[in-house]
């Protein structure tokens, strides 16, 4: 079994060998910019990890890993445009560095190139199932994004609805990455299901951790502006949980703050954070995040391979869900 660090290096080598340097430069330079911007490379690593549970020649899974990473970055480019976000991984977002029209078109071509890489899989008999799985995931991410946008103007968002949204927007791409790696390796249907459930629960926990970091993280490590969700009036788990457990005074104050766009943005962030702290929201968010982590570990335990092969999955999940960036 390869370690996570080794798999990341293998993928990064493949990424460097397949740059986006073709013409027209104004279309593909922004693609290369976002693809080279760093990040954890979690999704392509999960493709390789799932494949490596059953097979050793991980190079066979690299086109799928590349397709997943391209799609993930495509979604970030368009997400940043919709959120008007200035930073991604501590650097200017594509639409800030170039312009909005470039961001839209370069994102579009990334989606097309994701399919281009899926078709590079050597075992052509498996491509229809791989493409079907990928397409279902791509649709789910778009559905999740629409729910996220809908929630911005809705006063009826519940915690279950929010969890459903982040499952679509974040978790199902992890599910798809794991499933496609396992499908390519011809794993059993039972293992594919358990790998998918591992990814689903890790993905939801991962997004809950992201919610926590957006408010309580270190700006130098987080890579995005801390408090961005607050400034956009996003109904994150932290907001929804506060509205569930706080007294009427705190609820009313939070509702007023989360419908405002003041000139003093830092003051708003500080006031919302204070309400969260008063109501122990960070700890409550950690509790539910840990519940999803426990579910993920349950499904990991059900996968029919020797236990030693699962250690990298456990270590990666622990790293992701206890991260501060």
Protein backbone atom coordinates (compact mmCIF):
# COMPACT_ATOMS: atom_id res chain seq x y z
CA UNK A 1 0.00 0.00 0.00
CA UNK A 2 1.15 3.49 -0.86
CA UNK A 3 1.01 6.18 1.82
CA UNK A 4 -1.12 9.30 1.33
CA UNK A 5 2.08 11.33 0.89
CA UNK A 6 3.33 8.96 -1.81
CA UNK A 7 0.00 9.02 -3.64
CA UNK A 8 -0.01 12.80 -3.57
CA UNK A 9 3.46 12.90 -5.09
CA UNK A 10 2.45 10.45 -7.82
CA UNK A 11 -0.56 12.57 -8.65
CA UNK A 12 1.39 15.84 -8.60
CA UNK A 13 3.91 14.33 -11.01
CA UNK A 14 1.05 13.42 -13.35
CA UNK A 15 -0.40 16.91 -12.99
CA UNK A 16 2.94 18.45 -13.94
CA UNK A 17 3.20 16.17 -16.95
CA UNK A 18 -0.23 17.26 -18.16
CA UNK A 19 -0.28 21.06 -17.96
CA UNK A 20 -2.85 23.31 -19.62
CA UNK A 21 -0.53 25.26 -21.87
CA UNK A 22 -2.28 24.91 -25.21
CA UNK A 23 -3.78 27.70 -27.29
CA UNK A 24 -5.68 29.91 -26.93
CA UNK A 25 -3.65 31.03 -23.95
CA UNK A 26 -6.40 33.28 -22.59
CA UNK A 27 -8.66 30.24 -22.23
CA UNK A 28 -6.18 27.75 -20.80
CA UNK A 29 -3.81 29.90 -18.73
CA UNK A 30 -6.51 30.44 -16.04
CA UNK A 31 -7.11 26.67 -16.01
CA UNK A 32 -3.43 26.01 -15.41
CA UNK A 33 -3.41 28.76 -12.76
CA UNK A 34 -6.15 27.19 -10.64
CA UNK A 35 -4.85 23.65 -11.17
CA UNK A 36 -1.39 24.68 -9.95
CA UNK A 37 -2.69 26.73 -7.02
CA UNK A 38 -2.14 23.95 -4.52
CA UNK A 39 -4.67 22.50 -2.14
CA UNK A 40 -4.84 19.17 -0.37
CA UNK A 41 -5.52 17.17 -3.57
CA UNK A 42 -7.91 15.16 -1.42
CA UNK A 43 -10.24 13.98 -4.19
CA UNK A 44 -7.63 12.56 -6.57
CA UNK A 45 -5.85 10.97 -3.62
CA UNK A 46 -9.10 9.21 -2.67
CA UNK A 47 -9.40 7.81 -6.20
CA UNK A 48 -5.89 6.38 -5.91
CA UNK A 49 -6.42 5.13 -2.36
CA UNK A 50 -9.59 3.25 -3.29
CA UNK A 51 -7.89 1.68 -6.31
CA UNK A 52 -4.82 0.81 -4.25
CA UNK A 53 -6.92 -1.19 -1.80
CA UNK A 54 -7.16 -3.83 -4.52
CA UNK A 55 -4.46 -3.12 -7.11
CA UNK A 56 -0.86 -1.94 -7.00
CA UNK A 57 -0.46 -0.34 -10.44
CA UNK A 58 -1.90 3.02 -9.40
CA UNK A 59 -0.89 4.66 -12.68
CA UNK A 60 -3.97 3.06 -14.22
CA UNK A 61 -6.18 5.24 -11.98
CA UNK A 62 -4.39 8.54 -12.68
CA UNK A 63 -6.71 9.69 -15.50
CA UNK A 64 -9.72 9.34 -13.17
CA UNK A 65 -7.83 11.15 -10.42
CA UNK A 66 -7.06 13.97 -12.85
CA UNK A 67 -10.68 14.15 -14.01
CA UNK A 68 -11.92 14.44 -10.43
CA UNK A 69 -9.42 17.18 -9.59
CA UNK A 70 -10.26 19.14 -12.74
CA UNK A 71 -13.97 18.93 -11.94
CA UNK A 72 -13.40 20.00 -8.34
CA UNK A 73 -11.41 23.04 -9.45
CA UNK A 74 -14.00 23.85 -12.11
CA UNK A 75 -16.63 23.99 -9.38
CA UNK A 76 -14.40 26.28 -7.30
CA UNK A 77 -13.90 28.71 -10.19
CA UNK A 78 -17.64 29.10 -10.71
CA UNK A 79 -18.38 29.02 -6.98
CA UNK A 80 -15.95 31.89 -6.40
CA UNK A 81 -17.65 33.93 -9.12
CA UNK A 82 -21.07 33.40 -7.54
CA UNK A 83 -19.72 34.22 -4.07
CA UNK A 84 -17.67 37.17 -5.37
CA UNK A 85 -14.77 35.67 -3.43
CA UNK A 86 -11.40 37.44 -3.77
CA UNK A 87 -9.20 34.64 -2.43
CA UNK A 88 -8.77 30.93 -3.02
CA UNK A 89 -5.98 29.08 -1.21
CA UNK A 90 -4.57 32.42 -0.20
CA UNK A 91 -4.22 33.63 -3.78
CA UNK A 92 -6.47 35.74 -6.05
CA UNK A 93 -9.41 33.80 -7.46
CA UNK A 94 -9.52 33.24 -11.20
CA UNK A 95 -12.13 35.94 -11.86
CA UNK A 96 -10.18 38.44 -9.74
CA UNK A 97 -6.87 37.68 -11.44
CA UNK A 98 -8.34 37.67 -14.93
CA UNK A 99 -12.01 38.68 -15.26
CA UNK A 100 -15.47 37.17 -14.78
CA UNK A 101 -16.05 36.19 -18.40
CA UNK A 102 -12.71 34.42 -18.49
CA UNK A 103 -13.58 32.61 -15.26
CA UNK A 104 -16.87 31.39 -16.71
CA UNK A 105 -15.41 30.15 -20.00
CA UNK A 106 -12.27 28.64 -18.51
CA UNK A 107 -14.46 26.85 -15.97
CA UNK A 108 -16.62 25.51 -18.78
CA UNK A 109 -13.66 24.03 -20.61
CA UNK A 110 -12.48 22.40 -17.39
CA UNK A 111 -15.73 20.48 -17.14
CA UNK A 112 -15.23 19.25 -20.70
CA UNK A 113 -11.65 18.24 -19.99
CA UNK A 114 -12.75 16.20 -16.99
CA UNK A 115 -14.62 13.91 -19.38
CA UNK A 116 -11.62 13.98 -21.72
CA UNK A 117 -9.51 12.38 -18.97
CA UNK A 118 -12.17 9.84 -18.02
CA UNK A 119 -12.00 8.54 -21.58
CA UNK A 120 -8.25 7.94 -21.19
CA UNK A 121 -8.88 4.98 -18.85
CA UNK A 122 -7.11 1.98 -20.41
CA UNK A 123 -9.81 -0.56 -19.54
CA UNK A 124 -12.45 0.61 -22.02
CA UNK A 125 -15.02 -1.87 -20.70
CA UNK A 126 -15.24 0.04 -17.45
CA UNK A 127 -15.65 3.53 -18.95
CA UNK A 128 -19.48 3.51 -19.18
CA UNK A 129 -19.83 2.79 -15.45
CA UNK A 130 -17.14 5.33 -14.60
CA UNK A 131 -18.79 8.03 -16.73
CA UNK A 132 -22.21 7.21 -15.25
CA UNK A 133 -20.88 7.56 -11.70
CA UNK A 134 -19.04 10.78 -12.54
CA UNK A 135 -22.08 12.31 -14.25
CA UNK A 136 -24.32 11.54 -11.26
CA UNK A 137 -21.79 13.25 -9.00
CA UNK A 138 -21.50 16.28 -11.28
CA UNK A 139 -25.28 16.68 -11.29
CA UNK A 140 -25.39 16.36 -7.49
CA UNK A 141 -22.78 19.11 -7.04
CA UNK A 142 -24.84 21.47 -9.20
CA UNK A 143 -27.97 20.60 -7.20
CA UNK A 144 -26.09 21.30 -3.98
CA UNK A 145 -24.93 24.67 -5.27
CA UNK A 146 -28.49 25.64 -6.18
CA UNK A 147 -29.74 24.66 -2.73
CA UNK A 148 -26.91 26.74 -1.24
CA UNK A 149 -28.05 29.74 -3.28
CA UNK A 150 -31.72 29.14 -2.43
CA UNK A 151 -30.91 29.09 1.27
CA UNK A 152 -29.51 32.62 1.08
CA UNK A 153 -33.02 34.04 0.57
CA UNK A 154 -35.03 31.49 2.55
CA UNK A 155 -36.08 31.89 6.17
CA UNK A 156 -37.14 28.25 6.45
CA UNK A 157 -33.77 26.49 6.31
CA UNK A 158 -33.48 23.59 8.75
CA UNK A 159 -30.42 21.71 9.93
CA UNK A 160 -31.49 18.53 8.03
CA UNK A 161 -31.92 20.61 4.86
CA UNK A 162 -28.49 22.15 5.37
CA UNK A 163 -26.88 18.74 5.87
CA UNK A 164 -28.57 17.53 2.69
CA UNK A 165 -27.16 20.52 0.83
CA UNK A 166 -23.57 19.95 1.95
CA UNK A 167 -23.93 16.25 1.18
CA UNK A 168 -24.67 17.18 -2.44
CA UNK A 169 -22.23 20.06 -2.73
CA UNK A 170 -19.23 18.53 -0.96
CA UNK A 171 -19.63 14.94 0.18
CA UNK A 172 -20.86 13.28 -3.00
CA UNK A 173 -17.71 14.21 -4.93
CA UNK A 174 -15.72 12.30 -2.30
CA UNK A 175 -18.19 9.43 -2.70
CA UNK A 176 -17.69 9.48 -6.46
CA UNK A 177 -13.90 9.61 -6.18
CA UNK A 178 -13.82 6.53 -3.97
CA UNK A 179 -16.39 4.64 -6.00
CA UNK A 180 -14.65 5.27 -9.31
CA UNK A 181 -11.33 4.09 -7.92
CA UNK A 182 -12.98 0.95 -6.60
CA UNK A 183 -14.96 0.36 -9.81
CA UNK A 184 -11.76 0.55 -11.85
CA UNK A 185 -10.19 -2.01 -9.50
CA UNK A 186 -13.26 -4.26 -9.92
CA UNK A 187 -14.06 -4.28 -6.21
CA UNK A 188 -17.19 -6.03 -4.94
CA UNK A 189 -20.50 -4.18 -4.89
CA UNK A 190 -20.52 -4.36 -1.10
CA UNK A 191 -17.09 -2.75 -0.82
CA UNK A 192 -18.07 -0.03 -3.29
CA UNK A 193 -21.12 0.80 -1.15
CA UNK A 194 -19.10 0.94 2.07
CA UNK A 195 -16.38 3.06 0.46
CA UNK A 196 -19.07 5.43 -0.76
CA UNK A 197 -20.60 5.70 2.71
CA UNK A 198 -17.17 6.32 4.18
CA UNK A 199 -16.76 9.19 1.72
CA UNK A 200 -20.24 10.55 2.34
CA UNK A 201 -19.76 10.80 6.09
CA UNK A 202 -16.21 12.13 5.88
CA UNK A 203 -17.42 14.72 3.37
CA UNK A 204 -20.20 16.01 5.60
CA UNK A 205 -17.83 16.12 8.58
CA UNK A 206 -15.25 17.88 6.40
CA UNK A 207 -17.72 20.62 5.46
CA UNK A 208 -18.80 21.06 9.08
CA UNK A 209 -15.14 21.55 9.95
CA UNK A 210 -14.93 24.10 7.13
CA UNK A 211 -17.89 25.97 8.65
CA UNK A 212 -16.10 26.06 11.98
CA UNK A 213 -12.84 27.27 10.44
CA UNK A 214 -14.61 29.98 8.45
CA UNK A 215 -15.56 31.62 11.73
CA UNK A 216 -12.91 30.46 14.19
CA UNK A 217 -9.94 29.64 11.95
CA UNK A 218 -6.56 31.33 11.67
CA UNK A 219 -6.59 33.57 8.55
CA UNK A 220 -2.93 32.81 7.88
CA UNK A 221 -3.67 29.09 7.65
CA UNK A 222 -7.24 29.00 6.35
CA UNK A 223 -6.43 30.37 2.88
CA UNK A 224 -9.68 32.31 2.69
CA UNK A 225 -10.97 35.31 4.58
CA UNK A 226 -12.20 34.21 8.01
CA UNK A 227 -15.79 35.33 8.45
CA UNK A 228 -16.62 35.10 4.76
CA UNK A 229 -19.76 33.04 5.41
CA UNK A 230 -20.93 35.60 7.95
CA UNK A 231 -20.44 38.50 5.54
CA UNK A 232 -22.40 36.64 2.86
CA UNK A 233 -25.19 35.90 5.39
CA UNK A 234 -24.85 32.18 4.76
CA UNK A 235 -27.02 29.91 6.87
CA UNK A 236 -24.26 27.56 7.96
CA UNK A 237 -24.62 24.90 10.62
CA UNK A 238 -23.31 27.40 13.17
CA UNK A 239 -26.07 29.89 12.39
CA UNK A 240 -28.83 27.28 12.27
CA UNK A 241 -27.73 25.64 15.52
CA UNK A 242 -27.63 29.02 17.26
CA UNK A 243 -31.19 29.74 16.14
CA UNK A 244 -32.16 26.36 17.58
CA UNK A 245 -30.55 26.65 21.03
CA UNK A 246 -30.13 30.37 21.83
CA UNK A 247 -32.45 32.55 23.87
CA UNK A 248 -34.80 34.97 22.11
CA UNK A 249 -32.51 37.96 22.54
CA UNK A 250 -29.56 36.22 20.92
CA UNK A 251 -31.75 34.80 18.15
CA UNK A 252 -33.14 38.22 17.31
CA UNK A 253 -29.72 39.83 17.33
CA UNK A 254 -28.32 37.08 15.11
CA UNK A 255 -31.21 37.38 12.67
CA UNK A 256 -30.61 41.13 12.38
CA UNK A 257 -26.87 40.69 11.90
CA UNK A 258 -27.31 37.91 9.33
CA UNK A 259 -29.55 40.05 7.17
CA UNK A 260 -27.25 43.09 7.17
CA UNK A 261 -24.44 44.37 4.96
CA UNK A 262 -22.68 46.94 7.19
CA UNK A 263 -19.72 49.02 6.10
CA UNK A 264 -17.79 47.84 9.17
CA UNK A 265 -17.45 44.19 8.20
CA UNK A 266 -15.05 43.23 10.99
CA UNK A 267 -17.50 44.50 13.60
CA UNK A 268 -20.23 42.26 12.20
CA UNK A 269 -17.94 39.22 12.19
CA UNK A 270 -16.92 39.89 15.79
CA UNK A 271 -20.53 40.31 16.98
CA UNK A 272 -21.70 37.10 15.29
CA UNK A 273 -18.72 35.20 16.62
CA UNK A 274 -19.51 36.45 20.12
CA UNK A 275 -23.05 35.08 19.88
CA UNK A 276 -21.69 31.74 18.73
CA UNK A 277 -19.23 31.62 21.62
CA UNK A 278 -21.91 32.56 24.15
CA UNK A 279 -24.02 29.60 22.99
CA UNK A 280 -21.17 27.05 22.83
CA UNK A 281 -21.77 26.59 19.10
CA UNK A 282 -18.24 25.55 18.17
CA UNK A 283 -18.43 22.61 20.58
CA UNK A 284 -21.91 21.64 19.36
CA UNK A 285 -20.65 21.69 15.77
CA UNK A 286 -17.67 19.56 16.79
CA UNK A 287 -20.03 17.02 18.36
CA UNK A 288 -22.06 16.44 15.22
CA UNK A 289 -18.91 16.45 13.11
CA UNK A 290 -17.56 13.66 15.32
CA UNK A 291 -20.79 11.68 14.87
CA UNK A 292 -20.26 11.69 11.11
CA UNK A 293 -16.63 10.76 11.60
CA UNK A 294 -17.72 7.74 13.67
CA UNK A 295 -20.14 6.67 10.91
CA UNK A 296 -17.33 6.93 8.38
CA UNK A 297 -15.10 4.69 10.48
CA UNK A 298 -17.92 2.14 10.85
CA UNK A 299 -18.22 1.77 7.07
CA UNK A 300 -14.46 1.68 6.66
CA UNK A 301 -14.42 -1.27 9.04
CA UNK A 302 -16.90 -3.15 6.84
CA UNK A 303 -14.70 -3.10 3.74
CA UNK A 304 -13.50 -6.63 3.00
CA UNK A 305 -9.75 -6.09 2.87
CA UNK A 306 -7.12 -6.72 5.51
CA UNK A 307 -7.24 -4.11 8.25
CA UNK A 308 -3.69 -2.90 7.67
CA UNK A 309 -4.73 -1.59 4.24
CA UNK A 310 -7.22 0.76 5.90
CA UNK A 311 -4.73 2.58 8.12
CA UNK A 312 -4.08 5.31 5.57
CA UNK A 313 -7.84 5.95 5.33
CA UNK A 314 -8.08 6.34 9.10
CA UNK A 315 -5.06 8.62 9.22
CA UNK A 316 -6.35 10.79 6.37
CA UNK A 317 -9.81 11.15 7.92
CA UNK A 318 -8.30 12.12 11.26
CA UNK A 319 -6.03 14.65 9.58
CA UNK A 320 -8.87 16.23 7.61
CA UNK A 321 -11.30 16.46 10.49
CA UNK A 322 -8.86 17.88 13.01
CA UNK A 323 -7.25 20.32 10.61
CA UNK A 324 -6.89 24.07 11.24
CA UNK A 325 -6.61 25.09 7.60
